[in-house]
Each structure stands twice: as structure tokens, then as C-alpha cells.
Amino acid sequence: MPAAQEWFQDEKDGWELQQDKASCHTAKSTERWLEQHGVDVVEGWPTKGDDINPIENLWAILDEKLESKKFKTENGMKKAIRQVWDEVDLSLLHNLISSVPDRLRRIRKAKGGPIKAVK
């Protein structure tokens, strides 16, 4: 919450959390926490919004990089995840975010069907 509040402090209309319909996101405890903390959630986001959501592409990129890592322990796995995360270039994040309007155009052209992921 502190990071989100700082990032979006200049937004005149505030901000909304976008999330999919994963059970951890729709759990009553999660919904209650969001409501108690005044977090507005984007309504009507599709369950399978992978082509719209840049974070899904980021997860795929991180997953691909982790496939080449070898670890034998939970701590080793955590270390590998942190290393891959720390190596994410901010330009990748900016590119994924700025690709949203194009993604939406391509999804409309595909009449709601899948589109090729943008990396």
C-alpha cells in the first residue's frame, strides 16, 4: 500500500487495483482487506485477461529465465527468484505497460481472441 500510494499520489482520480479472478484475489478476506483500506478494484476484468495484462507477460519472461536456474533447496529457489527479479530492466516494464493500447486494438481486431504476447 505505501508504494502504491506513493506511485499514484499525483493521480487526480486516484487509482484502481487490477487483478484477475484467482481465488486468492476473490477470497472474502482479500475483498474485506481491500475495502477496509479503501482500495478500488477494476470491475469487469476478464478471468482470462492474459493478453491485456502486462504482468502476465512479465511472469512468463521471469518463468522462462528461471527454467535455466538449478536449485536444490527452498532457499536456493528464493535466491534464484530474487536474482531474476533484480535483473529486470525498467525499460522492459515501461515497454510492457506502454503496449496496453496496442494490445487492446489487437484484441478487438481478433474479436476477443488471443493475440501474440508482447515482450
N, C-alpha and C. Protein backbone atom coordinates (compact mmCIF):
# COMPACT_ATOMS: atom_id res chain seq x y z
N MET A 1 0.81 -1.20 0.00
CA MET A 1 0.00 0.00 0.00
C MET A 1 0.85 1.26 0.00
N PRO A 2 1.88 1.36 0.84
CA PRO A 2 2.68 2.59 0.82
C PRO A 2 3.29 2.87 -0.56
N ALA A 3 3.77 1.83 -1.23
CA ALA A 3 4.37 2.03 -2.56
C ALA A 3 3.32 2.52 -3.54
N ALA A 4 2.15 1.88 -3.56
CA ALA A 4 1.09 2.28 -4.49
C ALA A 4 0.64 3.70 -4.21
N GLN A 5 0.50 4.06 -2.94
CA GLN A 5 0.09 5.42 -2.61
C GLN A 5 1.12 6.44 -3.07
N GLU A 6 2.40 6.08 -2.95
CA GLU A 6 3.45 7.00 -3.41
C GLU A 6 3.45 7.10 -4.93
N TRP A 7 3.37 5.95 -5.61
CA TRP A 7 3.42 5.94 -7.08
C TRP A 7 2.29 6.76 -7.69
N PHE A 8 1.11 6.67 -7.09
CA PHE A 8 -0.07 7.27 -7.71
C PHE A 8 -0.56 8.51 -6.96
N GLN A 9 0.28 9.11 -6.16
CA GLN A 9 -0.16 10.26 -5.36
C GLN A 9 -0.58 11.45 -6.21
N ASP A 10 -0.06 11.56 -7.43
CA ASP A 10 -0.40 12.69 -8.29
C ASP A 10 -1.62 12.44 -9.17
N GLU A 11 -2.18 11.25 -9.10
CA GLU A 11 -3.36 10.93 -9.92
C GLU A 11 -4.58 11.67 -9.36
N LYS A 12 -5.20 12.48 -10.20
CA LYS A 12 -6.34 13.29 -9.76
C LYS A 12 -7.53 12.42 -9.34
N ASP A 13 -7.73 11.33 -10.07
CA ASP A 13 -8.88 10.47 -9.81
C ASP A 13 -8.52 9.26 -8.98
N GLY A 14 -7.34 9.26 -8.36
CA GLY A 14 -6.92 8.11 -7.57
C GLY A 14 -6.45 6.99 -8.48
N TRP A 15 -6.53 5.77 -7.99
CA TRP A 15 -6.07 4.62 -8.76
C TRP A 15 -6.93 3.42 -8.41
N GLU A 16 -6.89 2.43 -9.28
CA GLU A 16 -7.64 1.19 -9.07
C GLU A 16 -6.69 0.01 -9.21
N LEU A 17 -6.92 -1.00 -8.42
CA LEU A 17 -6.14 -2.23 -8.49
C LEU A 17 -6.75 -3.12 -9.56
N GLN A 18 -5.92 -3.61 -10.45
CA GLN A 18 -6.38 -4.55 -11.49
C GLN A 18 -5.85 -5.91 -11.12
N GLN A 19 -6.73 -6.87 -11.04
CA GLN A 19 -6.34 -8.24 -10.73
C GLN A 19 -7.27 -9.20 -11.43
N ASP A 20 -6.81 -10.45 -11.59
CA ASP A 20 -7.66 -11.43 -12.24
C ASP A 20 -8.61 -12.06 -11.22
N LYS A 21 -9.23 -13.13 -11.60
CA LYS A 21 -10.21 -13.76 -10.72
C LYS A 21 -9.63 -14.96 -9.97
N ALA A 22 -8.33 -14.96 -9.74
CA ALA A 22 -7.72 -16.04 -8.96
C ALA A 22 -8.39 -16.10 -7.60
N SER A 23 -8.50 -17.30 -7.06
CA SER A 23 -9.22 -17.48 -5.80
C SER A 23 -8.62 -16.66 -4.65
N CYS A 24 -7.30 -16.46 -4.67
CA CYS A 24 -6.70 -15.64 -3.60
C CYS A 24 -7.11 -14.18 -3.73
N HIS A 25 -7.47 -13.75 -4.94
CA HIS A 25 -7.90 -12.37 -5.15
C HIS A 25 -9.37 -12.17 -4.81
N THR A 26 -10.15 -13.22 -4.94
CA THR A 26 -11.59 -13.11 -4.71
C THR A 26 -12.01 -13.64 -3.34
N ALA A 27 -11.03 -14.06 -2.54
CA ALA A 27 -11.35 -14.55 -1.19
C ALA A 27 -12.00 -13.43 -0.39
N LYS A 28 -12.93 -13.81 0.45
CA LYS A 28 -13.63 -12.80 1.27
C LYS A 28 -12.64 -11.99 2.11
N SER A 29 -11.59 -12.64 2.63
CA SER A 29 -10.61 -11.92 3.45
C SER A 29 -9.87 -10.87 2.61
N THR A 30 -9.56 -11.20 1.37
CA THR A 30 -8.88 -10.24 0.49
C THR A 30 -9.81 -9.08 0.16
N GLU A 31 -11.04 -9.40 -0.21
CA GLU A 31 -12.00 -8.36 -0.54
C GLU A 31 -12.25 -7.45 0.67
N ARG A 32 -12.32 -8.05 1.84
CA ARG A 32 -12.55 -7.27 3.07
C ARG A 32 -11.34 -6.34 3.33
N TRP A 33 -10.12 -6.85 3.15
CA TRP A 33 -8.91 -6.05 3.36
C TRP A 33 -8.88 -4.87 2.39
N LEU A 34 -9.16 -5.14 1.13
CA LEU A 34 -9.16 -4.07 0.12
C LEU A 34 -10.18 -3.00 0.47
N GLU A 35 -11.36 -3.44 0.88
CA GLU A 35 -12.42 -2.49 1.25
C GLU A 35 -12.01 -1.67 2.48
N GLN A 36 -11.45 -2.32 3.49
CA GLN A 36 -11.03 -1.63 4.71
C GLN A 36 -9.94 -0.60 4.44
N HIS A 37 -9.12 -0.85 3.41
CA HIS A 37 -8.03 0.05 3.09
C HIS A 37 -8.36 1.01 1.94
N GLY A 38 -9.63 1.01 1.54
CA GLY A 38 -10.08 1.96 0.53
C GLY A 38 -9.50 1.74 -0.86
N VAL A 39 -9.20 0.49 -1.18
CA VAL A 39 -8.62 0.18 -2.49
C VAL A 39 -9.75 -0.16 -3.45
N ASP A 40 -9.87 0.65 -4.51
CA ASP A 40 -10.85 0.38 -5.55
C ASP A 40 -10.27 -0.65 -6.50
N VAL A 41 -11.12 -1.58 -6.94
CA VAL A 41 -10.69 -2.65 -7.84
C VAL A 41 -11.38 -2.47 -9.18
N VAL A 42 -10.62 -2.65 -10.26
CA VAL A 42 -11.19 -2.57 -11.61
C VAL A 42 -12.27 -3.64 -11.72
N GLU A 43 -13.45 -3.22 -12.08
CA GLU A 43 -14.57 -4.15 -12.23
C GLU A 43 -14.63 -4.69 -13.65
N GLY A 44 -15.08 -5.91 -13.80
CA GLY A 44 -15.32 -6.48 -15.11
C GLY A 44 -14.08 -6.95 -15.84
N TRP A 45 -12.96 -7.08 -15.13
CA TRP A 45 -11.74 -7.56 -15.79
C TRP A 45 -11.94 -9.04 -16.12
N PRO A 46 -11.62 -9.45 -17.35
CA PRO A 46 -11.87 -10.84 -17.72
C PRO A 46 -11.02 -11.82 -16.92
N THR A 47 -11.59 -13.01 -16.69
CA THR A 47 -10.88 -14.06 -15.97
C THR A 47 -9.60 -14.42 -16.69
N LYS A 48 -9.68 -14.52 -17.99
CA LYS A 48 -8.50 -14.85 -18.80
C LYS A 48 -8.07 -13.60 -19.54
N GLY A 49 -7.51 -12.63 -18.82
CA GLY A 49 -7.09 -11.39 -19.43
C GLY A 49 -5.59 -11.34 -19.70
N ASP A 50 -4.98 -12.51 -19.93
CA ASP A 50 -3.53 -12.59 -20.09
C ASP A 50 -3.02 -11.67 -21.19
N ASP A 51 -3.74 -11.56 -22.29
CA ASP A 51 -3.28 -10.73 -23.39
C ASP A 51 -3.38 -9.24 -23.08
N ILE A 52 -4.23 -8.88 -22.15
CA ILE A 52 -4.40 -7.48 -21.79
C ILE A 52 -3.41 -7.08 -20.71
N ASN A 53 -3.14 -7.97 -19.80
CA ASN A 53 -2.39 -7.66 -18.60
C ASN A 53 -0.89 -7.80 -18.79
N PRO A 54 -0.13 -6.70 -18.74
CA PRO A 54 1.32 -6.77 -18.91
C PRO A 54 2.03 -7.65 -17.88
N ILE A 55 1.46 -7.75 -16.68
CA ILE A 55 2.14 -8.54 -15.64
C ILE A 55 2.20 -10.01 -16.03
N GLU A 56 1.19 -10.48 -16.79
CA GLU A 56 1.21 -11.88 -17.22
C GLU A 56 2.39 -12.13 -18.14
N ASN A 57 2.70 -11.16 -19.00
CA ASN A 57 3.87 -11.30 -19.86
C ASN A 57 5.16 -11.26 -19.04
N LEU A 58 5.18 -10.41 -18.02
CA LEU A 58 6.36 -10.34 -17.16
C LEU A 58 6.56 -11.67 -16.44
N TRP A 59 5.47 -12.25 -15.91
CA TRP A 59 5.59 -13.56 -15.23
C TRP A 59 6.15 -14.59 -16.20
N ALA A 60 5.68 -14.59 -17.44
CA ALA A 60 6.16 -15.56 -18.43
C ALA A 60 7.66 -15.36 -18.69
N ILE A 61 8.09 -14.11 -18.79
CA ILE A 61 9.51 -13.82 -19.02
C ILE A 61 10.34 -14.29 -17.82
N LEU A 62 9.89 -14.00 -16.61
CA LEU A 62 10.61 -14.43 -15.41
C LEU A 62 10.64 -15.95 -15.31
N ASP A 63 9.52 -16.58 -15.62
CA ASP A 63 9.44 -18.04 -15.58
C ASP A 63 10.44 -18.66 -16.57
N GLU A 64 10.51 -18.08 -17.75
CA GLU A 64 11.44 -18.57 -18.77
C GLU A 64 12.89 -18.47 -18.28
N LYS A 65 13.22 -17.37 -17.63
CA LYS A 65 14.57 -17.19 -17.11
C LYS A 65 14.85 -18.14 -15.95
N LEU A 66 13.84 -18.45 -15.16
CA LEU A 66 14.02 -19.36 -14.02
C LEU A 66 14.20 -20.81 -14.47
N GLU A 67 13.67 -21.15 -15.64
CA GLU A 67 13.79 -22.53 -16.12
C GLU A 67 15.24 -22.96 -16.25
N SER A 68 16.14 -22.04 -16.53
CA SER A 68 17.55 -22.40 -16.70
C SER A 68 18.30 -22.45 -15.37
N LYS A 69 17.67 -22.00 -14.30
CA LYS A 69 18.31 -22.00 -12.98
C LYS A 69 18.16 -23.36 -12.33
N LYS A 70 19.19 -23.75 -11.63
CA LYS A 70 19.16 -25.01 -10.88
C LYS A 70 19.21 -24.69 -9.40
N PHE A 71 18.33 -25.28 -8.64
CA PHE A 71 18.35 -25.09 -7.20
C PHE A 71 17.87 -26.38 -6.55
N LYS A 72 18.41 -26.63 -5.35
CA LYS A 72 18.10 -27.88 -4.65
C LYS A 72 17.32 -27.66 -3.37
N THR A 73 17.32 -26.43 -2.90
CA THR A 73 16.64 -26.13 -1.64
C THR A 73 15.65 -24.99 -1.85
N GLU A 74 14.77 -24.83 -0.88
CA GLU A 74 13.82 -23.72 -0.93
C GLU A 74 14.56 -22.38 -0.90
N ASN A 75 15.60 -22.29 -0.06
CA ASN A 75 16.37 -21.05 0.00
C ASN A 75 17.07 -20.78 -1.33
N GLY A 76 17.56 -21.84 -1.98
CA GLY A 76 18.19 -21.69 -3.28
C GLY A 76 17.20 -21.18 -4.32
N MET A 77 15.98 -21.70 -4.24
CA MET A 77 14.93 -21.26 -5.15
C MET A 77 14.61 -19.78 -4.91
N LYS A 78 14.47 -19.39 -3.65
CA LYS A 78 14.18 -18.00 -3.32
C LYS A 78 15.30 -17.08 -3.81
N LYS A 79 16.53 -17.52 -3.65
CA LYS A 79 17.67 -16.72 -4.11
C LYS A 79 17.62 -16.55 -5.63
N ALA A 80 17.31 -17.63 -6.35
CA ALA A 80 17.22 -17.57 -7.81
C ALA A 80 16.11 -16.63 -8.25
N ILE A 81 14.98 -16.68 -7.57
CA ILE A 81 13.85 -15.80 -7.91
C ILE A 81 14.24 -14.35 -7.68
N ARG A 82 14.86 -14.07 -6.54
CA ARG A 82 15.29 -12.69 -6.25
C ARG A 82 16.30 -12.20 -7.29
N GLN A 83 17.22 -13.08 -7.69
CA GLN A 83 18.23 -12.69 -8.67
C GLN A 83 17.57 -12.33 -10.00
N VAL A 84 16.66 -13.18 -10.46
CA VAL A 84 15.98 -12.92 -11.73
C VAL A 84 15.16 -11.64 -11.63
N TRP A 85 14.48 -11.44 -10.50
CA TRP A 85 13.67 -10.24 -10.31
C TRP A 85 14.55 -8.99 -10.32
N ASP A 86 15.69 -9.07 -9.62
CA ASP A 86 16.59 -7.91 -9.55
C ASP A 86 17.19 -7.55 -10.91
N GLU A 87 17.23 -8.51 -11.82
CA GLU A 87 17.79 -8.28 -13.15
C GLU A 87 16.79 -7.69 -14.14
N VAL A 88 15.54 -7.54 -13.73
CA VAL A 88 14.52 -6.98 -14.62
C VAL A 88 14.88 -5.53 -14.92
N ASP A 89 14.97 -5.21 -16.19
CA ASP A 89 15.29 -3.85 -16.62
C ASP A 89 14.01 -3.02 -16.62
N LEU A 90 14.09 -1.82 -16.06
CA LEU A 90 12.90 -0.95 -16.01
C LEU A 90 12.33 -0.66 -17.39
N SER A 91 13.17 -0.66 -18.41
CA SER A 91 12.65 -0.39 -19.77
C SER A 91 11.71 -1.51 -20.20
N LEU A 92 11.95 -2.74 -19.74
CA LEU A 92 11.03 -3.84 -20.05
C LEU A 92 9.66 -3.54 -19.44
N LEU A 93 9.65 -3.10 -18.20
CA LEU A 93 8.37 -2.79 -17.54
C LEU A 93 7.65 -1.66 -18.26
N HIS A 94 8.38 -0.62 -18.62
CA HIS A 94 7.78 0.51 -19.33
C HIS A 94 7.23 0.06 -20.69
N ASN A 95 7.97 -0.79 -21.39
CA ASN A 95 7.52 -1.29 -22.70
C ASN A 95 6.24 -2.12 -22.55
N LEU A 96 6.20 -2.97 -21.53
CA LEU A 96 5.00 -3.78 -21.32
C LEU A 96 3.79 -2.90 -21.03
N ILE A 97 3.98 -1.90 -20.19
CA ILE A 97 2.87 -1.00 -19.84
C ILE A 97 2.43 -0.17 -21.04
N SER A 98 3.39 0.37 -21.77
CA SER A 98 3.03 1.21 -22.91
C SER A 98 2.42 0.42 -24.06
N SER A 99 2.54 -0.91 -24.00
CA SER A 99 1.97 -1.74 -25.06
C SER A 99 0.48 -2.00 -24.88
N VAL A 100 -0.10 -1.57 -23.75
CA VAL A 100 -1.51 -1.87 -23.47
C VAL A 100 -2.45 -1.34 -24.55
N PRO A 101 -2.35 -0.08 -24.99
CA PRO A 101 -3.28 0.38 -26.04
C PRO A 101 -3.21 -0.48 -27.30
N ASP A 102 -1.99 -0.85 -27.72
CA ASP A 102 -1.85 -1.70 -28.89
C ASP A 102 -2.45 -3.08 -28.64
N ARG A 103 -2.26 -3.61 -27.45
CA ARG A 103 -2.85 -4.92 -27.10
C ARG A 103 -4.37 -4.86 -27.25
N LEU A 104 -4.95 -3.78 -26.72
CA LEU A 104 -6.41 -3.65 -26.79
C LEU A 104 -6.90 -3.57 -28.23
N ARG A 105 -6.17 -2.82 -29.08
CA ARG A 105 -6.55 -2.76 -30.50
C ARG A 105 -6.47 -4.15 -31.14
N ARG A 106 -5.40 -4.87 -30.84
CA ARG A 106 -5.22 -6.20 -31.44
C ARG A 106 -6.27 -7.20 -30.93
N ILE A 107 -6.65 -7.09 -29.68
CA ILE A 107 -7.69 -7.96 -29.12
C ILE A 107 -9.03 -7.66 -29.79
N ARG A 108 -9.32 -6.36 -29.99
CA ARG A 108 -10.56 -6.01 -30.69
C ARG A 108 -10.55 -6.54 -32.10
N LYS A 109 -9.40 -6.44 -32.78
CA LYS A 109 -9.29 -6.96 -34.15
C LYS A 109 -9.48 -8.47 -34.17
N ALA A 110 -8.98 -9.15 -33.12
CA ALA A 110 -9.13 -10.61 -33.03
C ALA A 110 -10.49 -11.00 -32.43
N LYS A 111 -11.38 -10.00 -32.29
CA LYS A 111 -12.74 -10.22 -31.77
C LYS A 111 -12.71 -10.93 -30.41
N GLY A 112 -11.77 -10.49 -29.58
CA GLY A 112 -11.67 -11.05 -28.23
C GLY A 112 -10.80 -12.26 -28.12
N GLY A 113 -10.31 -12.75 -29.25
CA GLY A 113 -9.48 -13.94 -29.24
C GLY A 113 -8.06 -13.62 -28.78
N PRO A 114 -7.24 -14.65 -28.66
CA PRO A 114 -5.86 -14.44 -28.20
C PRO A 114 -5.00 -13.71 -29.22
N ILE A 115 -4.00 -13.02 -28.71
CA ILE A 115 -3.03 -12.34 -29.55
C ILE A 115 -1.65 -12.80 -29.13
N LYS A 116 -0.67 -12.57 -29.98
CA LYS A 116 0.70 -12.93 -29.62
C LYS A 116 1.19 -12.01 -28.52
N ALA A 117 1.86 -12.59 -27.52
CA ALA A 117 2.37 -11.81 -26.38
C ALA A 117 3.43 -10.82 -26.86
N VAL A 118 3.47 -9.66 -26.19
CA VAL A 118 4.46 -8.64 -26.49
C VAL A 118 5.53 -8.72 -25.42
N LYS A 119 6.79 -8.81 -25.83
CA LYS A 119 7.89 -8.85 -24.85
C LYS A 119 8.71 -7.61 -24.96
